[in-house]
N, C-alpha and C. Protein backbone atom coordinates (compact mmCIF):
# COMPACT_ATOMS: atom_id res chain seq x y z
N MET A 1 -76.58 195.86 -77.20
CA MET A 1 -75.59 195.62 -76.94
C MET A 1 -73.61 195.80 -78.15
N ILE A 2 -74.16 195.18 -79.22
CA ILE A 2 -73.57 195.73 -80.39
C ILE A 2 -73.58 197.22 -80.18
N ASP A 3 -74.76 197.83 -79.88
CA ASP A 3 -74.25 199.46 -80.14
C ASP A 3 -73.68 200.00 -79.06
N PHE A 4 -73.60 199.24 -77.97
CA PHE A 4 -72.93 200.19 -76.74
C PHE A 4 -71.25 199.66 -77.12
N ILE A 5 -70.93 198.63 -77.95
CA ILE A 5 -69.42 198.26 -77.87
C ILE A 5 -68.92 199.67 -79.61
N ILE A 6 -70.07 199.39 -79.93
CA ILE A 6 -69.56 200.71 -81.43
C ILE A 6 -69.51 202.17 -80.66
N SER A 7 -70.18 202.54 -79.79
CA SER A 7 -70.20 203.47 -79.65
C SER A 7 -69.15 204.57 -78.85
N ASN A 8 -68.92 202.95 -78.00
CA ASN A 8 -67.93 203.16 -76.53
C ASN A 8 -66.65 201.96 -77.49
N TRP A 9 -66.38 202.30 -78.58
CA TRP A 9 -65.06 201.21 -79.24
C TRP A 9 -63.66 202.41 -78.06
N TRP A 10 -63.50 203.08 -78.24
CA TRP A 10 -62.32 203.49 -77.63
C TRP A 10 -61.85 203.43 -76.24
N ILE A 11 -63.18 203.38 -75.37
CA ILE A 11 -62.81 202.64 -73.93
C ILE A 11 -62.59 201.78 -73.79
N ILE A 12 -62.86 200.72 -74.70
CA ILE A 12 -62.85 199.31 -74.98
C ILE A 12 -61.15 199.38 -75.15
N LEU A 13 -60.83 199.91 -76.48
CA LEU A 13 -59.41 199.76 -76.85
C LEU A 13 -58.08 200.15 -75.57
N LEU A 14 -59.19 201.49 -74.71
CA LEU A 14 -57.66 201.90 -73.37
C LEU A 14 -58.03 201.15 -72.62
N ILE A 15 -58.88 200.62 -72.44
CA ILE A 15 -59.26 198.89 -71.10
C ILE A 15 -57.76 198.59 -71.66
N THR A 16 -58.39 197.94 -72.81
CA THR A 16 -57.63 196.71 -73.19
C THR A 16 -56.19 197.05 -73.22
N SER A 17 -55.69 198.68 -73.65
CA SER A 17 -54.37 198.58 -73.52
C SER A 17 -53.50 198.88 -72.29
N PHE A 18 -54.72 199.26 -71.71
CA PHE A 18 -53.89 199.08 -69.80
C PHE A 18 -54.07 197.94 -69.58
N LEU A 19 -55.15 197.18 -69.95
CA LEU A 19 -54.53 195.48 -69.20
C LEU A 19 -53.21 195.35 -69.63
N LEU A 20 -52.62 195.01 -71.18
CA LEU A 20 -52.05 194.93 -72.03
C LEU A 20 -50.79 195.29 -70.98
N PHE A 21 -50.47 196.32 -70.94
CA PHE A 21 -49.46 197.59 -70.91
C PHE A 21 -49.45 196.33 -69.35
N PHE A 22 -50.40 196.69 -68.28
CA PHE A 22 -49.59 195.67 -66.97
C PHE A 22 -49.43 195.20 -66.61
N PHE A 23 -49.92 193.91 -67.59
CA PHE A 23 -49.57 192.67 -68.02
C PHE A 23 -48.22 192.17 -68.09
N LYS A 24 -48.29 193.53 -69.21
CA LYS A 24 -46.70 193.59 -69.80
C LYS A 24 -45.19 193.07 -68.52
N TYR A 25 -45.73 194.40 -67.39
CA TYR A 25 -44.43 195.28 -67.11
C TYR A 25 -44.27 194.27 -65.43
N THR A 26 -45.94 193.93 -65.19
CA THR A 26 -45.84 192.82 -63.93
C THR A 26 -45.23 191.54 -63.75
N ARG A 27 -45.66 191.24 -64.89
CA ARG A 27 -44.98 189.09 -64.93
C ARG A 27 -43.54 189.27 -64.52
N SER A 28 -44.00 188.03 -64.06
CA SER A 28 -42.05 187.75 -64.50
C SER A 28 -42.02 186.52 -64.23
N ASN A 29 -40.66 185.81 -65.09
CA ASN A 29 -40.39 184.58 -64.98
C ASN A 29 -39.24 184.40 -63.31
N ASN A 30 -40.00 183.39 -62.55
CA ASN A 30 -39.29 183.55 -61.41
C ASN A 30 -38.07 182.53 -62.01
N THR A 31 -38.25 181.52 -62.38
CA THR A 31 -37.18 180.23 -62.78
C THR A 31 -36.18 181.31 -63.31
N SER A 32 -35.83 181.89 -64.22
CA SER A 32 -34.34 182.91 -64.95
C SER A 32 -34.04 183.71 -64.10
N TYR A 33 -34.77 184.57 -63.21
CA TYR A 33 -34.53 185.23 -61.96
C TYR A 33 -33.54 183.85 -61.06
N LYS A 34 -34.26 183.27 -60.75
CA LYS A 34 -33.79 182.82 -59.88
C LYS A 34 -32.28 181.95 -60.13
N GLU A 35 -32.08 181.49 -61.40
CA GLU A 35 -30.68 181.13 -62.04
C GLU A 35 -29.66 181.95 -62.06
N LEU A 36 -30.08 184.04 -61.96
CA LEU A 36 -29.27 184.63 -62.02
C LEU A 36 -28.97 185.26 -61.38
N LEU A 37 -30.39 185.11 -60.03
CA LEU A 37 -29.47 185.37 -58.83
C LEU A 37 -28.47 184.34 -57.93
N ASN A 38 -28.49 183.30 -58.25
CA ASN A 38 -27.91 182.50 -57.83
C ASN A 38 -26.18 182.01 -58.51
N GLN A 39 -26.36 182.64 -59.25
CA GLN A 39 -25.36 183.17 -60.72
C GLN A 39 -24.10 184.81 -59.68
N GLY A 40 -25.01 185.35 -58.75
CA GLY A 40 -24.49 186.23 -58.24
C GLY A 40 -24.77 187.66 -59.18
N ALA A 41 -26.01 187.66 -59.40
CA ALA A 41 -26.93 188.86 -59.83
C ALA A 41 -27.13 189.82 -58.42
N ILE A 42 -26.76 190.72 -59.61
CA ILE A 42 -27.07 192.22 -58.23
C ILE A 42 -28.48 192.72 -58.62
N ILE A 43 -29.01 192.96 -57.47
CA ILE A 43 -30.79 193.17 -57.48
C ILE A 43 -30.55 195.04 -57.40
N ILE A 44 -31.04 195.67 -58.33
CA ILE A 44 -31.10 196.73 -57.76
C ILE A 44 -32.67 197.44 -57.96
N ASP A 45 -32.78 198.18 -56.75
CA ASP A 45 -34.55 198.56 -56.49
C ASP A 45 -34.30 199.86 -56.65
N VAL A 46 -34.89 200.42 -57.14
CA VAL A 46 -35.52 201.36 -58.18
C VAL A 46 -35.99 202.43 -57.84
N ARG A 47 -36.95 202.03 -56.46
CA ARG A 47 -38.06 202.63 -55.81
C ARG A 47 -37.50 203.57 -55.22
N THR A 48 -38.46 204.64 -54.69
CA THR A 48 -38.15 205.66 -53.67
C THR A 48 -37.24 205.25 -52.05
N GLU A 49 -36.31 205.80 -51.85
CA GLU A 49 -36.19 205.50 -50.42
C GLU A 49 -36.48 205.10 -49.57
N SER A 50 -38.17 205.89 -49.14
CA SER A 50 -39.38 205.98 -48.16
C SER A 50 -39.73 204.06 -48.49
N GLU A 51 -39.93 203.64 -49.92
CA GLU A 51 -40.15 202.62 -50.31
C GLU A 51 -39.65 201.46 -49.78
N TYR A 52 -38.37 201.80 -50.37
CA TYR A 52 -36.96 200.95 -49.71
C TYR A 52 -37.10 200.34 -48.86
N LYS A 53 -37.29 201.55 -47.50
CA LYS A 53 -36.85 201.13 -46.18
C LYS A 53 -38.23 200.75 -45.55
N SER A 54 -39.66 200.60 -46.33
CA SER A 54 -40.90 200.34 -45.82
C SER A 54 -41.04 198.62 -46.18
N GLY A 55 -39.47 198.00 -46.74
CA GLY A 55 -39.19 196.49 -47.14
C GLY A 55 -38.83 196.45 -48.35
N HIS A 56 -37.81 195.32 -48.47
CA HIS A 56 -36.87 195.22 -49.76
C HIS A 56 -35.98 194.38 -49.62
N ILE A 57 -35.95 193.27 -50.81
CA ILE A 57 -35.14 192.08 -51.06
C ILE A 57 -33.44 192.40 -49.89
N LYS A 58 -32.91 191.14 -49.03
CA LYS A 58 -31.80 191.99 -48.71
C LYS A 58 -30.63 191.55 -49.29
N ASN A 59 -29.97 192.32 -49.14
CA ASN A 59 -28.40 192.83 -50.25
C ASN A 59 -28.94 192.95 -51.42
N SER A 60 -30.40 193.71 -51.87
CA SER A 60 -30.45 194.47 -52.91
C SER A 60 -29.77 196.03 -52.50
N ILE A 61 -29.46 196.36 -53.64
CA ILE A 61 -29.30 197.78 -53.66
C ILE A 61 -30.17 198.98 -53.66
N ASN A 62 -30.54 200.11 -52.92
CA ASN A 62 -31.37 201.26 -53.38
C ASN A 62 -30.97 202.19 -54.41
N VAL A 63 -31.35 202.18 -55.54
CA VAL A 63 -30.88 203.42 -56.05
C VAL A 63 -31.86 203.80 -56.69
N PRO A 64 -32.69 205.01 -56.14
CA PRO A 64 -33.77 206.01 -56.97
C PRO A 64 -34.45 205.70 -58.22
N LEU A 65 -34.80 205.46 -59.25
CA LEU A 65 -34.98 205.99 -60.56
C LEU A 65 -34.26 207.31 -61.19
N LYS A 66 -34.77 208.17 -60.40
CA LYS A 66 -34.17 209.67 -60.31
C LYS A 66 -33.02 209.99 -60.57
N ASP A 67 -32.26 208.91 -59.40
CA ASP A 67 -30.96 209.01 -59.34
C ASP A 67 -30.05 207.83 -60.04
N LEU A 68 -30.67 207.50 -60.74
CA LEU A 68 -29.99 205.96 -61.92
C LEU A 68 -28.82 206.94 -62.24
N THR A 69 -29.38 208.00 -63.23
CA THR A 69 -28.42 208.47 -64.53
C THR A 69 -26.92 209.06 -63.89
N TYR A 70 -27.00 209.77 -62.11
CA TYR A 70 -25.78 209.90 -61.72
C TYR A 70 -24.71 208.80 -61.02
N ARG A 71 -25.80 207.59 -61.12
CA ARG A 71 -25.02 206.39 -59.82
C ARG A 71 -25.21 205.12 -60.94
N ILE A 72 -25.14 205.34 -62.45
CA ILE A 72 -24.61 204.16 -62.82
C ILE A 72 -23.44 203.60 -62.87
N SER A 73 -22.16 204.56 -62.46
CA SER A 73 -20.95 204.18 -62.63
C SER A 73 -20.43 203.07 -61.37
N GLU A 74 -21.46 203.41 -60.27
CA GLU A 74 -21.17 202.24 -59.53
C GLU A 74 -21.07 201.01 -59.41
N PHE A 75 -22.13 200.60 -60.74
CA PHE A 75 -21.99 199.01 -61.13
C PHE A 75 -21.23 198.88 -62.59
N ASP A 76 -20.48 197.84 -62.82
CA ASP A 76 -19.80 197.23 -63.33
C ASP A 76 -20.72 196.62 -64.60
N LYS A 77 -19.94 196.59 -65.93
CA LYS A 77 -20.63 196.62 -67.36
C LYS A 77 -20.59 194.83 -67.09
N LYS A 78 -19.47 194.30 -66.76
CA LYS A 78 -19.50 192.81 -66.34
C LYS A 78 -20.38 192.16 -65.78
N ASP A 79 -20.81 193.34 -64.85
CA ASP A 79 -22.16 192.63 -63.71
C ASP A 79 -23.74 191.87 -64.70
N ASN A 80 -24.11 190.58 -63.79
CA ASN A 80 -25.81 191.26 -64.22
C ASN A 80 -26.55 191.29 -63.51
N ILE A 81 -27.30 192.31 -63.71
CA ILE A 81 -28.60 193.18 -63.00
C ILE A 81 -29.61 192.86 -62.72
N VAL A 82 -30.51 193.01 -61.35
CA VAL A 82 -32.06 192.59 -62.03
C VAL A 82 -32.71 193.87 -60.94
N THR A 83 -32.97 194.26 -61.82
CA THR A 83 -34.13 196.04 -61.71
C THR A 83 -35.22 195.21 -61.00
N VAL A 84 -35.82 196.21 -59.84
CA VAL A 84 -37.34 195.90 -59.61
C VAL A 84 -37.54 196.69 -59.08
N CYS A 85 -38.90 197.37 -58.42
CA CYS A 85 -39.43 198.36 -58.09
C CYS A 85 -40.80 197.55 -57.31
N ALA A 86 -41.79 198.50 -57.20
CA ALA A 86 -43.14 198.35 -57.05
C ALA A 86 -44.07 197.47 -57.38
N ALA A 87 -44.27 197.70 -58.71
CA ALA A 87 -44.87 196.94 -59.95
C ALA A 87 -44.39 196.38 -61.37
N GLY A 88 -43.04 196.99 -61.38
CA GLY A 88 -42.23 196.49 -62.47
C GLY A 88 -41.82 197.66 -63.96
N ILE A 89 -42.94 198.75 -63.52
CA ILE A 89 -43.14 199.60 -65.01
C ILE A 89 -41.38 200.08 -64.64
N ARG A 90 -41.57 200.94 -63.20
CA ARG A 90 -39.73 201.28 -63.16
C ARG A 90 -38.68 200.96 -63.22
N ALA A 91 -38.69 199.33 -62.99
CA ALA A 91 -37.65 198.31 -63.03
C ALA A 91 -37.47 198.59 -64.91
N GLU A 92 -38.46 198.56 -65.44
CA GLU A 92 -38.63 198.19 -67.12
C GLU A 92 -37.67 199.81 -66.97
N SER A 93 -37.90 201.04 -66.78
CA SER A 93 -37.01 201.92 -67.18
C SER A 93 -35.56 201.90 -66.83
N ALA A 94 -35.45 201.35 -65.78
CA ALA A 94 -34.18 201.06 -65.46
C ALA A 94 -33.02 200.37 -66.71
N LYS A 95 -34.16 199.26 -67.05
CA LYS A 95 -33.17 198.01 -67.40
C LYS A 95 -33.22 199.02 -68.64
N LYS A 96 -34.31 199.40 -69.73
CA LYS A 96 -33.73 199.93 -70.60
C LYS A 96 -32.74 201.22 -70.48
N PHE A 97 -32.19 201.87 -69.34
CA PHE A 97 -31.76 202.70 -69.23
C PHE A 97 -30.31 202.08 -69.07
N PHE A 98 -29.92 201.25 -68.21
CA PHE A 98 -28.53 200.26 -67.94
C PHE A 98 -28.50 199.77 -69.58
N GLU A 99 -29.53 199.25 -70.35
CA GLU A 99 -29.54 198.70 -71.68
C GLU A 99 -28.47 199.74 -72.45
N SER A 100 -29.01 200.84 -72.42
CA SER A 100 -28.65 201.56 -73.26
C SER A 100 -27.28 201.58 -73.44
N LYS A 101 -26.37 201.81 -72.38
CA LYS A 101 -24.99 202.41 -71.32
C LYS A 101 -24.03 200.85 -71.94
N GLY A 102 -24.98 200.01 -72.08
CA GLY A 102 -24.25 199.12 -72.44
C GLY A 102 -24.32 197.70 -71.47
N TYR A 103 -25.19 198.09 -70.38
CA TYR A 103 -24.83 196.77 -69.18
C TYR A 103 -25.94 195.10 -69.52
N SER A 104 -25.99 194.23 -68.98
CA SER A 104 -26.92 193.20 -68.77
C SER A 104 -27.73 193.48 -68.18
N VAL A 105 -29.09 193.94 -68.19
CA VAL A 105 -30.06 193.46 -67.19
C VAL A 105 -31.26 192.70 -67.49
N ALA A 106 -32.37 192.36 -66.66
CA ALA A 106 -32.98 191.86 -66.16
C ALA A 106 -34.70 192.36 -65.90
N ASN A 107 -35.75 192.62 -65.98
CA ASN A 107 -36.32 193.53 -65.17
C ASN A 107 -37.15 191.99 -64.24
N GLY A 108 -36.86 192.32 -63.37
CA GLY A 108 -37.52 191.52 -61.96
C GLY A 108 -39.11 191.78 -61.61
N GLY A 109 -39.53 193.00 -62.04
CA GLY A 109 -40.85 192.94 -61.90
C GLY A 109 -40.59 193.66 -60.27
N ARG A 110 -41.84 193.03 -59.75
CA ARG A 110 -42.28 193.80 -58.36
C ARG A 110 -40.87 192.90 -57.86
N TRP A 111 -40.88 193.99 -56.17
CA TRP A 111 -39.37 192.95 -55.61
C TRP A 111 -40.19 192.05 -54.67
N THR A 112 -41.49 192.00 -54.27
CA THR A 112 -41.99 190.96 -53.47
C THR A 112 -41.49 189.67 -54.41
N ASN A 113 -41.79 190.06 -56.00
CA ASN A 113 -41.57 188.44 -56.58
C ASN A 113 -40.15 187.78 -56.08
N LEU A 114 -39.38 188.37 -56.03
CA LEU A 114 -37.79 188.25 -55.96
C LEU A 114 -37.40 187.97 -54.52
N LYS A 115 -37.90 188.30 -53.34
CA LYS A 115 -37.78 188.60 -52.49
C LYS A 115 -37.23 187.46 -51.40
N ASP A 116 -37.94 186.07 -51.82
CA ASP A 116 -37.73 184.92 -51.30
C ASP A 116 -36.66 184.01 -52.04
N TYR A 117 -36.11 184.61 -52.39
CA TYR A 117 -35.18 183.74 -53.39
C TYR A 117 -33.33 184.03 -52.59
N ASN A 118 -33.38 185.47 -52.05
CA ASN A 118 -32.21 185.97 -51.19
C ASN A 118 -31.89 185.09 -50.27
């Protein structure tokens, strides 16, 4: 067993890194998102248009991640924004982009995590 671990350390490291990355971007703290949504936060779903049409949060706005650069002016920096997607990774990218432009944003992770709050 020790020989296997020593000879395959890079595989173990790769799997561990993937799992940490996956759990970091798919977790959500529903209590804080519920509070943001109760305060009128805007939910921006950054999935593709076809993904959004297959199911989405009521009153959410679909802005595919690839379109965010030229659609960011549609949103006010005073608004609280929650980004969502299929797994949370694109939502995190959108969050970082919004924040780089001075917006207040939270990554809501998977859209299914928040669909019952609205």
